Protein backbone atom coordinates (compact mmCIF):
# COMPACT_ATOMS: atom_id res chain seq x y z
CA MET A 1 1.61 32.16 7.38
CA GLY A 2 4.30 31.76 4.69
CA PHE A 3 3.88 28.45 2.89
CA GLU A 4 1.51 26.86 5.42
CA ARG A 5 -1.51 26.74 3.11
CA ILE A 6 0.32 25.04 0.25
CA LEU A 7 2.09 22.62 2.60
CA ARG A 8 -1.23 21.51 4.05
CA ARG A 9 -2.65 21.11 0.53
CA LEU A 10 0.25 18.84 -0.37
CA LEU A 11 -0.30 16.75 2.75
CA GLU A 12 -3.94 16.29 1.81
CA TYR A 13 -2.67 14.38 -1.22
CA GLY A 14 0.09 12.60 0.71
CA VAL A 15 -2.30 10.95 3.16
CA LEU A 16 -4.17 9.33 0.26
CA ALA A 17 -1.24 6.97 -0.33
CA PRO A 18 -1.73 3.21 0.18
CA SER A 19 -0.51 1.50 3.36
CA ILE A 20 -0.81 -2.02 4.73
CA TYR A 21 -4.10 -2.46 6.63
CA ASN A 22 -4.78 1.22 5.79
CA SER A 23 -2.65 1.87 8.88
CA GLN A 24 -1.38 5.27 7.63
CA PRO A 25 1.91 5.02 9.58
CA TRP A 26 3.05 8.60 9.02
CA LYS A 27 3.47 11.79 10.97
CA PHE A 28 4.33 15.23 9.65
CA SER A 29 5.87 18.50 10.64
CA ILE A 30 5.78 21.70 8.59
CA ASP A 31 8.13 24.66 8.48
CA SER A 32 5.86 27.28 6.95
CA LYS A 33 8.59 29.90 6.67
CA ARG A 34 11.04 27.78 4.69
CA GLY A 35 8.45 25.62 2.95
CA ILE A 36 9.57 22.25 4.32
CA ILE A 37 7.58 19.12 5.18
CA GLY A 38 9.09 16.56 7.52
CA VAL A 39 7.80 13.01 7.06
CA TYR A 40 8.21 10.78 10.10
CA ALA A 41 7.54 7.12 10.85
CA ASP A 42 4.76 6.37 13.29
CA LYS A 43 6.04 2.99 14.40
CA GLU A 44 3.03 2.39 16.64
CA ARG A 45 0.86 2.03 13.54
CA VAL A 46 2.70 -0.86 11.87
CA MET A 47 3.07 -4.56 12.50
CA ALA A 48 4.99 -5.37 15.64
CA LYS A 49 6.73 -8.41 14.15
CA PRO A 50 8.57 -9.57 12.26
CA LYS A 51 10.70 -6.58 11.27
CA ARG A 52 9.65 -5.83 7.69
CA GLY A 53 9.60 -3.09 5.13
CA ASP A 54 5.90 -2.20 5.25
CA LEU A 55 6.55 0.95 7.28
CA TYR A 56 9.04 2.46 4.86
CA MET A 57 7.14 1.29 1.78
CA SER A 58 4.11 3.20 3.08
CA LEU A 59 6.23 6.29 3.77
CA GLY A 60 7.74 6.05 0.30
CA ALA A 61 4.28 5.93 -1.28
CA CYS A 62 3.21 8.92 0.81
CA VAL A 63 6.23 10.94 -0.33
CA GLU A 64 5.60 9.99 -3.96
CA TYR A 65 2.02 11.24 -3.75
CA ILE A 66 3.29 14.59 -2.47
CA VAL A 67 5.95 14.73 -5.20
CA LEU A 68 3.33 14.04 -7.89
CA ALA A 69 0.95 16.67 -6.48
CA GLY A 70 3.53 19.45 -6.27
CA PRO A 71 3.81 20.55 -9.94
CA ALA A 72 0.01 20.73 -10.33
CA LEU A 73 -0.04 23.20 -7.45
CA GLY A 74 2.83 25.20 -8.92
CA TYR A 75 5.72 23.77 -6.89
CA GLU A 76 8.64 21.46 -7.47
CA ILE A 77 9.48 19.12 -4.58
CA GLN A 78 13.13 18.74 -3.62
CA GLU A 79 13.62 15.58 -1.57
CA THR A 80 16.13 14.61 1.08
CA LEU A 81 15.38 10.96 1.82
CA LEU A 82 15.94 9.04 5.04
CA PRO A 83 18.38 11.43 6.73
CA GLY A 84 17.58 9.78 10.05
CA GLY A 85 17.50 6.15 8.88
CA ASP A 86 16.20 4.01 11.74
CA GLN A 87 16.74 6.81 14.25
CA LYS A 88 14.13 9.21 15.58
CA GLY A 89 14.67 11.82 12.88
CA PRO A 90 12.50 12.34 9.80
CA ALA A 91 12.37 9.67 7.12
CA ALA A 92 12.24 12.42 4.50
CA LEU A 93 12.44 16.19 4.21
CA LEU A 94 10.54 17.78 1.33
CA MET A 95 11.26 21.38 0.35
CA ILE A 96 8.99 23.20 -2.09
CA LYS A 97 10.36 25.41 -4.84
CA PRO A 98 7.95 27.64 -6.85
CA LEU A 99 7.61 26.88 -10.55
CA ALA A 100 7.05 29.50 -13.23
CA GLU A 101 3.70 27.84 -13.98
CA ALA A 102 1.66 24.88 -12.80
CA MET A 103 2.66 21.75 -14.71
CA PRO A 104 0.52 18.76 -13.66
CA GLU A 105 2.20 15.36 -13.75
CA THR A 106 0.56 12.73 -15.95
CA LEU A 107 -0.56 10.74 -12.91
CA PHE A 108 -1.82 13.71 -10.89
CA ALA A 109 -5.48 13.09 -11.77
CA THR A 110 -5.28 9.52 -10.44
CA LEU A 111 -4.24 10.55 -6.91
CA LEU A 112 -7.89 11.02 -5.94
CA THR A 113 -9.23 7.93 -7.70
CA ARG A 114 -6.80 5.06 -6.98
CA GLN A 115 -8.62 2.24 -5.26
CA THR A 116 -7.86 -1.18 -3.85
CA HIS A 117 -10.21 -3.80 -5.30
CA ALA A 118 -10.79 -7.07 -3.42
CA GLY A 119 -13.47 -8.36 -5.79
CA LYS A 120 -13.45 -10.16 -9.12
CA TYR A 121 -11.47 -9.11 -12.18
CA LEU A 122 -12.39 -9.59 -15.82
CA GLU A 123 -10.45 -12.45 -17.35
CA GLY A 124 -8.34 -11.35 -20.32
CA SER A 125 -8.56 -7.66 -19.38
CA VAL A 126 -4.77 -7.24 -19.16
CA LYS A 127 -3.15 -6.84 -22.57
CA GLU A 128 0.45 -6.60 -23.69
CA ILE A 129 0.09 -2.84 -24.04
CA HIS A 130 -0.77 -2.60 -20.34
CA LEU A 131 2.24 -4.72 -19.36
CA ASP A 132 4.54 -2.64 -21.57
CA ARG A 133 3.44 0.53 -19.83
CA LEU A 134 4.13 -0.97 -16.41
CA LYS A 135 7.55 -2.16 -17.54
CA ALA A 136 8.34 1.35 -18.78
CA ILE A 137 8.00 2.86 -15.29
CA THR A 138 11.55 3.42 -14.10
CA PRO A 139 12.37 2.18 -10.58
CA PHE A 140 13.93 4.58 -8.10
CA SER A 141 17.03 2.41 -7.77
CA PRO A 142 18.52 -0.53 -9.70
CA ALA A 143 18.07 -2.74 -6.62
CA GLU A 144 14.31 -3.10 -7.20
CA LYS A 145 12.75 -5.32 -9.87
CA ILE A 146 9.28 -6.46 -10.87
CA TYR A 147 8.18 -9.80 -12.27
CA LEU A 148 4.88 -10.10 -14.16
CA LEU A 149 2.78 -13.24 -14.54
CA THR A 150 -0.08 -13.53 -17.03
CA GLU A 151 0.08 -16.98 -18.61
CA ASP A 152 -2.73 -19.26 -17.48
CA ALA A 153 -0.79 -22.28 -16.23
CA GLY A 154 1.53 -20.12 -14.15
CA ARG A 155 -1.35 -18.19 -12.62
CA GLN A 156 -3.16 -21.35 -11.60
CA THR A 157 0.00 -22.73 -9.98
CA LEU A 158 0.54 -19.45 -8.11
CA ILE A 159 -3.07 -19.43 -6.91
CA GLN A 160 -2.59 -22.94 -5.51
CA LEU A 161 0.59 -21.79 -3.74
CA LEU A 162 -1.23 -18.79 -2.27
CA HIS A 163 -4.09 -21.07 -1.20
CA ASN A 164 -1.66 -23.23 0.76
CA LEU A 165 0.10 -20.22 2.28
CA SER A 166 -3.19 -18.65 3.39
CA HIS A 167 -4.15 -21.77 5.32
CA GLU A 168 -0.73 -21.83 6.98
CA GLY A 169 -0.82 -18.09 7.73
CA SER A 170 -4.31 -18.17 9.23
CA GLY A 171 -2.91 -20.52 11.86
CA PHE A 172 -0.29 -17.99 13.00
CA GLU A 173 -1.86 -16.22 15.95
CA TRP A 174 0.38 -13.14 15.64
CA LEU A 175 -0.85 -12.62 12.07
CA VAL A 176 -4.47 -13.08 13.13
CA GLU A 177 -3.98 -10.61 15.98
CA GLU A 178 -2.47 -8.02 13.64
CA GLU A 179 -5.34 -8.41 11.16
CA GLU A 180 -7.82 -8.16 14.03
CA ARG A 181 -6.14 -4.98 15.24
CA TRP A 182 -7.09 -3.14 12.04
CA ILE A 183 -10.61 -4.46 11.40
CA ARG A 184 -13.10 -1.71 12.16
CA PRO A 185 -16.69 -2.51 13.22
CA LEU A 186 -17.75 0.94 11.98
CA THR A 187 -18.94 1.32 8.41
CA ASN A 188 -16.82 4.41 7.73
CA PRO A 189 -13.60 4.25 9.77
CA LEU A 190 -10.88 6.87 9.40
CA ASP A 191 -8.25 4.14 9.26
CA GLY A 192 -8.01 0.37 9.25
CA LEU A 193 -10.06 -2.09 7.23
CA SER A 194 -13.79 -1.78 6.79
CA LEU A 195 -15.81 -4.91 6.16
CA GLU A 196 -16.54 -3.80 2.59
CA HIS A 197 -12.85 -3.97 1.70
CA LEU A 198 -12.13 -7.48 2.97
CA GLY A 199 -13.83 -9.31 0.12
CA LEU A 200 -15.40 -11.84 2.50
CA PRO A 201 -18.27 -14.22 1.64
CA LEU A 202 -21.78 -12.89 2.19
CA SER A 203 -22.42 -15.38 5.01
CA THR A 204 -19.41 -14.07 6.98
CA ARG A 205 -20.43 -10.46 6.46
CA ILE A 206 -24.02 -11.11 7.61
CA ARG A 207 -22.77 -12.91 10.69
CA PHE A 208 -20.44 -10.03 11.52
CA VAL A 209 -23.11 -7.36 11.00
CA CYS A 210 -25.54 -9.23 13.25
CA LEU A 211 -23.03 -9.65 16.09
CA LYS A 212 -20.99 -6.44 15.86
CA PRO A 213 -23.35 -4.47 18.21
CA PHE A 214 -22.11 -6.77 20.96
CA PHE A 215 -18.46 -6.08 20.02
CA HIS A 216 -17.58 -9.71 20.60
CA GLY A 217 -13.81 -10.01 20.41
CA SER A 218 -14.06 -13.64 19.37
CA GLU A 219 -16.24 -12.68 16.42
CA ILE A 220 -13.80 -10.05 15.20
CA ARG A 221 -10.99 -12.59 15.65
CA GLU A 222 -12.85 -15.02 13.40
CA VAL A 223 -13.40 -12.32 10.77
CA ALA A 224 -9.65 -11.61 10.89
CA ARG A 225 -8.90 -15.28 10.33
CA GLN A 226 -11.34 -15.40 7.41
CA ALA A 227 -9.71 -12.30 5.92
CA LEU A 228 -6.34 -14.06 5.96
CA LEU A 229 -7.85 -17.14 4.35
CA ARG A 230 -9.38 -14.86 1.71
CA GLN A 231 -5.89 -14.13 0.40
CA GLY A 232 -5.74 -17.68 -0.88
CA HIS A 233 -9.32 -18.06 -2.09
CA ARG A 234 -11.17 -16.42 -4.95
CA ILE A 235 -8.15 -14.38 -5.97
CA GLU A 236 -8.20 -15.26 -9.65
CA ALA A 237 -6.88 -12.36 -11.71
CA PRO A 238 -5.59 -11.87 -15.25
CA ALA A 239 -2.18 -10.77 -13.96
CA PHE A 240 0.08 -10.86 -10.90
CA LEU A 241 3.11 -8.74 -10.05
CA LEU A 242 5.96 -9.46 -7.66
CA MET A 243 8.36 -6.69 -6.61
CA THR A 244 11.72 -7.53 -5.06
CA THR A 245 14.68 -5.61 -3.68
CA ARG A 246 18.35 -6.41 -3.26
CA ASN A 247 18.58 -3.61 -0.70
CA PRO A 248 16.46 -4.71 2.33
CA THR A 249 17.10 -1.49 4.26
CA PRO A 250 14.85 1.52 5.03
CA ARG A 251 16.12 3.23 1.87
CA GLY A 252 15.46 0.16 -0.26
CA TYR A 253 11.93 -0.23 1.09
CA PHE A 254 11.36 3.51 0.66
CA ASN A 255 12.32 3.27 -3.02
CA ALA A 256 10.06 0.22 -3.43
CA GLY A 257 7.14 2.15 -1.92
CA ARG A 258 7.60 5.06 -4.29
CA TRP A 259 7.70 2.69 -7.25
CA TYR A 260 4.63 0.83 -6.00
CA ALA A 261 2.74 4.14 -5.85
CA ARG A 262 3.57 4.85 -9.49
CA LEU A 263 2.61 1.34 -10.58
CA ALA A 264 -0.76 1.47 -8.78
CA LEU A 265 -1.55 4.94 -10.11
CA THR A 266 -0.60 3.90 -13.64
CA LEU A 267 -3.01 0.98 -13.38
CA THR A 268 -5.73 3.44 -12.34
CA ASP A 269 -4.87 5.61 -15.34
CA MET A 270 -5.44 2.54 -17.54
CA GLU A 271 -8.82 1.90 -15.83
CA MET A 272 -7.38 -1.04 -13.95
CA ALA A 273 -7.33 -1.80 -10.24
CA CYS A 274 -5.06 -3.84 -7.98
CA GLN A 275 -4.97 -5.60 -4.64
CA SER A 276 -1.86 -6.12 -2.53
CA LEU A 277 -1.61 -9.65 -1.11
CA HIS A 278 0.46 -9.01 2.01
CA LEU A 279 0.20 -12.44 3.67
CA PRO A 280 2.86 -14.24 1.55
CA ILE A 281 5.21 -11.29 2.15
CA ALA A 282 4.52 -11.20 5.89
CA MET A 283 5.42 -14.89 6.23
CA ALA A 284 9.16 -14.28 6.06
CA SER A 285 9.97 -17.99 6.37
CA GLN A 286 7.92 -18.69 3.23
CA ARG A 287 9.33 -16.00 0.95
CA GLY A 288 11.70 -18.56 -0.52
CA ARG A 289 8.71 -20.27 -2.08
CA LEU A 290 7.84 -17.04 -3.86
CA ASN A 291 11.42 -16.66 -5.03
CA ALA A 292 11.39 -20.20 -6.36
CA PHE A 293 8.08 -19.74 -8.14
CA PHE A 294 9.08 -16.48 -9.87
CA GLN A 295 12.63 -17.80 -10.38
CA THR A 296 14.19 -14.82 -8.62
CA PRO A 297 17.66 -14.98 -7.05
CA ASP A 298 17.87 -15.65 -3.31
CA SER A 299 19.60 -12.26 -2.99
CA GLU A 300 16.29 -10.55 -3.89
CA GLU A 301 13.75 -10.09 -1.10
CA PRO A 302 10.05 -10.08 -2.10
CA VAL A 303 8.46 -6.86 -0.83
CA LEU A 304 5.17 -6.70 -2.75
CA LEU A 305 2.80 -9.18 -4.35
CA MET A 306 -0.33 -7.89 -6.03
CA ARG A 307 -2.98 -9.01 -8.46
CA PHE A 308 -4.46 -6.63 -11.00
CA GLY A 309 -6.84 -6.27 -13.89
CA GLN A 310 -10.05 -4.56 -14.85
CA PRO A 311 -12.66 -4.92 -12.06
CA GLU A 312 -15.79 -6.85 -12.90
CA LYS A 313 -17.69 -4.12 -11.06
CA LYS A 314 -16.20 -0.64 -11.29
CA ILE A 315 -17.98 0.66 -8.21
CA TRP A 316 -16.38 -0.14 -4.89
CA PRO A 317 -16.23 1.60 -1.51
CA LYS A 318 -13.69 4.33 -0.97
CA THR A 319 -11.06 4.05 1.74
CA SER A 320 -11.30 6.73 4.40
CA ARG A 321 -8.29 8.63 5.71
CA ARG A 322 -7.47 10.44 8.90
CA PRO A 323 -7.53 14.24 8.51
CA ILE A 324 -4.05 15.72 8.37
CA ASP A 325 -4.54 17.50 11.70
CA GLN A 326 -4.46 14.06 13.32
CA CYS A 327 -1.16 13.26 11.61
CA PHE A 328 1.03 16.10 12.88
CA LEU A 329 3.76 15.51 15.44
CA LYS A 330 2.67 16.40 18.95
CA ALA A 331 4.58 18.73 21.21
CA GLY A 332 7.57 16.93 22.69
CA GLU A 333 7.81 14.30 19.96
CA PRO A 334 11.13 14.12 18.07
């Protein structure tokens, strides 16, 4: 058996990482004798177009979850990142090295409790002490930066911009189709987006619940369109964060994903929650408007926009995950 038990334990934490649409675009291999996990991209579980960094950001977050879990289980994780780049090889190789004693990372306890929150946030719940702690989290490369927005006038202007972008984006059929692809009619899916997580108006939810037994494709399509519109409506929050990179490559996105994982987990540790607003990032032709708003150089590509604060209601549905046995490479796969 070798290290098989501990490798599987580590993967149970890795699959808890955030991913766009809860798509979980990862596959794994394990070498139980040498204690190595291979992390691979499952490119069938990400957006087909345009080419973006969501895939590698998700893989980076997954790796970071494993890295944070290792010391608590008595192992240091030695990483070899992106040895295969865009090829068919692994995106990362993780080798475990036994520690003299278990030494839990500060954020280890938050791995099981981090949640995405699509509801309301308490106004004024983000203080300077919270922002200082976020700013103190070191990025994984100097190419990535974050920009924070808390002042009222700026937030209202951003919300108006996001409102306009959501109406434009909901008219892009490829975006609607991608959203539709991940909406699950079941109440407890193993992947994708459940209705509880979309933050839709009660009238839309009731309509969906009443018609879902018929599995009407047109109804799910309309829910998908409403979900895109939702990213520009009722998204008031005490703070917003934009992450950019000057290295728009798999490695740059990978580093951004690892940093995003630490930021989200730190918010959880401070009893905060966050929601990633992927629509403005997905609309590549509109990213310049985000750059202009946050006054970032054109050489920096926006890779993450999220709102955060203390949830008005601290109880929200958990996101389900596929069991790790469904995430292993199949025989014959590279």
